[in-house]
Amino acid sequence: MTIQHLDHFTLRTQLLAETTAFFEQVAGLHVGWRPSFPFDGRWLYKAERPVLHLAIAAGGQPGLDRYLGERDAVGSTGSGVVDHIAFRCTDLPSFELRLRDLGMGYRARTVPDLREHQVFVMDPNGLTIEFIFNSSEPASWKDHADYPAATTASVA
């Protein structure tokens, strides 16, 4: 077996509108076609490819439980067993500008051994989303010699 790329990931959320808006505004995804599943949700696309599936996790969704299986603690904040989701990206300066324009807080650091900038943003469900950029791209923060201690830049 050879894994070629991340196909999609699925999030269960009670905050469908807020989560949709977050990924549209912050990650630049857009809502697109979705099969007629027996539960409410959205498919979010990058270009012509669906990369994120959202499923409404509001009470009384027997269609969701039948289709995807039951989950404990659905509706609680945080990411459950998912720690974070990562996207490989380009154009860090425009992404930082987008976050500032949205007033979106973030943590950022550079990992010298990987030659990567990492930008971490929290979605409305408490899930951490990581955006990875090549360290050759300009960043607003300074690299620090004390890595691996967190090098952070935050916007409130």
Protein backbone atom coordinates (compact mmCIF):
# COMPACT_ATOMS: atom_id res chain seq x y z
CA MET A 1 0.00 0.00 0.00
CA THR A 2 1.19 3.52 -0.82
CA ILE A 3 -0.43 6.56 0.73
CA GLN A 4 -0.44 9.33 -1.86
CA HIS A 5 -2.03 12.22 0.12
CA LEU A 6 -4.57 13.04 2.78
CA ASP A 7 -7.98 12.42 1.20
CA HIS A 8 -10.22 14.09 3.78
CA PHE A 9 -10.95 14.26 7.46
CA THR A 10 -14.30 14.30 9.21
CA LEU A 11 -15.30 16.39 12.19
CA ARG A 12 -18.47 15.98 14.21
CA THR A 13 -19.67 19.32 15.48
CA GLN A 14 -22.61 20.98 17.18
CA LEU A 15 -21.31 24.24 15.69
CA LEU A 16 -21.90 23.53 12.00
CA ALA A 17 -22.26 27.15 10.84
CA GLU A 18 -19.34 28.39 12.95
CA THR A 19 -17.07 25.53 11.90
CA THR A 20 -17.98 26.01 8.23
CA ALA A 21 -17.23 29.75 8.48
CA PHE A 22 -13.92 29.07 10.27
CA PHE A 23 -12.62 26.78 7.52
CA GLU A 24 -13.93 29.08 4.76
CA GLN A 25 -12.34 32.20 6.26
CA VAL A 26 -9.13 30.81 7.75
CA ALA A 27 -8.25 27.92 5.41
CA GLY A 28 -9.87 29.26 2.23
CA LEU A 29 -12.05 26.17 1.72
CA HIS A 30 -15.52 26.38 0.14
CA VAL A 31 -18.76 24.45 0.56
CA GLY A 32 -19.52 22.09 -2.30
CA TRP A 33 -21.61 19.11 -3.34
CA ARG A 34 -22.35 16.48 -0.71
CA PRO A 35 -24.20 13.17 -1.06
CA SER A 36 -27.65 12.95 0.51
CA PHE A 37 -26.58 11.28 3.74
CA PRO A 38 -29.22 10.61 6.44
CA PHE A 39 -27.79 13.44 8.61
CA ASP A 40 -26.98 17.12 8.18
CA GLY A 41 -23.47 18.24 7.33
CA ARG A 42 -21.23 19.99 4.82
CA TRP A 43 -18.39 19.02 2.53
CA LEU A 44 -15.67 21.65 2.23
CA TYR A 45 -13.47 21.74 -0.84
CA LYS A 46 -10.07 22.99 -1.92
CA ALA A 47 -10.44 23.55 -5.65
CA GLU A 48 -12.42 20.53 -6.92
CA ARG A 49 -11.45 18.15 -4.12
CA PRO A 50 -13.46 17.63 -0.90
CA VAL A 51 -10.92 17.66 1.93
CA LEU A 52 -13.12 18.20 5.00
CA HIS A 53 -16.41 16.53 5.85
CA LEU A 54 -18.49 18.09 8.63
CA ALA A 55 -21.27 16.15 10.33
CA ILE A 56 -23.79 17.85 12.61
CA ALA A 57 -23.58 16.27 16.05
CA ALA A 58 -26.63 17.96 17.58
CA GLY A 59 -28.82 15.68 19.69
CA GLY A 60 -31.00 13.00 18.14
CA GLN A 61 -29.02 12.15 14.99
CA PRO A 62 -29.80 8.44 14.60
CA GLY A 63 -28.87 8.64 10.89
CA LEU A 64 -25.38 9.83 11.83
CA ASP A 65 -24.89 7.12 14.44
CA ARG A 66 -26.11 4.43 12.04
CA TYR A 67 -23.88 5.68 9.24
CA LEU A 68 -20.65 6.59 11.09
CA GLY A 69 -21.14 4.77 14.39
CA GLU A 70 -21.82 6.08 17.86
CA ARG A 71 -19.27 8.28 19.64
CA ASP A 72 -18.97 9.10 23.30
CA ALA A 73 -18.65 12.73 24.37
CA VAL A 74 -19.94 14.13 21.07
CA GLY A 75 -20.77 17.74 21.68
CA SER A 76 -18.10 18.32 24.28
CA THR A 77 -15.48 20.86 23.38
CA GLY A 78 -12.02 19.82 22.33
CA SER A 79 -10.83 17.34 19.80
CA GLY A 80 -11.53 14.00 21.44
CA VAL A 81 -9.00 11.54 20.08
CA VAL A 82 -7.88 13.96 17.36
CA ASP A 83 -4.96 16.10 18.51
CA HIS A 84 -4.69 18.31 15.44
CA ILE A 85 -5.14 18.37 11.69
CA ALA A 86 -2.31 19.63 9.48
CA PHE A 87 -2.34 21.23 6.04
CA ARG A 88 0.80 21.74 3.95
CA CYS A 89 0.62 25.29 2.57
CA THR A 90 2.35 28.05 0.64
CA ASP A 91 2.33 31.89 0.93
CA LEU A 92 2.78 32.40 4.66
CA PRO A 93 2.73 36.22 4.47
CA SER A 94 -0.78 36.30 2.97
CA PHE A 95 -1.98 33.71 5.50
CA GLU A 96 -0.69 35.78 8.42
CA LEU A 97 -2.40 38.83 6.93
CA ARG A 98 -5.66 36.87 6.64
CA LEU A 99 -5.45 35.83 10.29
CA ARG A 100 -4.77 39.43 11.37
CA ASP A 101 -7.68 40.71 9.26
CA LEU A 102 -9.95 38.15 10.94
CA GLY A 103 -8.61 39.05 14.40
CA MET A 104 -7.76 35.36 14.79
CA GLY A 105 -5.22 34.41 17.45
CA TYR A 106 -2.50 31.92 16.56
CA ARG A 107 0.72 30.32 17.76
CA ALA A 108 3.66 30.06 15.42
CA ARG A 109 7.12 28.57 15.43
CA THR A 110 9.87 27.38 13.16
CA VAL A 111 11.25 23.86 13.32
CA PRO A 112 14.82 24.16 12.02
CA ASP A 113 15.39 20.41 11.68
CA LEU A 114 12.38 20.15 9.36
CA ARG A 115 12.89 23.53 7.67
CA GLU A 116 9.24 24.31 8.38
CA HIS A 117 7.20 27.14 9.81
CA GLN A 118 4.19 25.94 11.79
CA VAL A 119 1.13 28.09 12.48
CA PHE A 120 -1.46 26.73 14.93
CA VAL A 121 -5.04 28.05 15.02
CA MET A 122 -7.94 26.85 17.20
CA ASP A 123 -11.25 26.14 15.45
CA PRO A 124 -14.66 26.78 17.11
CA ASN A 125 -14.74 23.20 18.47
CA GLY A 126 -11.41 23.49 20.30
CA LEU A 127 -9.56 21.50 17.62
CA THR A 128 -6.05 22.67 16.78
CA ILE A 129 -5.42 23.20 13.06
CA GLU A 130 -1.76 23.31 11.93
CA PHE A 131 -0.72 25.10 8.75
CA ILE A 132 2.80 24.12 7.57
CA PHE A 133 4.98 26.34 5.36
CA ASN A 134 8.52 25.95 4.06
CA SER A 135 10.94 27.91 6.24
CA SER A 136 12.28 29.68 3.14
CA GLU A 137 9.09 31.78 3.25
CA PRO A 138 9.26 35.01 5.28
CA ALA A 139 7.62 34.87 8.72
CA SER A 140 6.65 37.68 11.09
CA TRP A 141 8.35 36.01 14.05
CA LYS A 142 12.04 35.60 14.80
CA ASP A 143 13.64 32.20 15.08
CA HIS A 144 15.04 31.63 18.53
CA ALA A 145 18.17 29.71 19.43
CA ASP A 146 16.35 28.05 22.34
CA TYR A 147 14.29 25.74 20.12
CA PRO A 148 12.62 23.31 20.89
CA ALA A 149 11.03 25.65 23.41
CA ALA A 150 7.93 27.10 21.74
CA THR A 151 8.66 30.12 19.60
CA THR A 152 5.32 31.84 19.45
CA ALA A 153 3.66 34.79 17.80
CA SER A 154 0.11 35.55 18.79
CA VAL A 155 -2.56 37.92 17.67
CA ALA A 156 -5.54 38.59 19.93
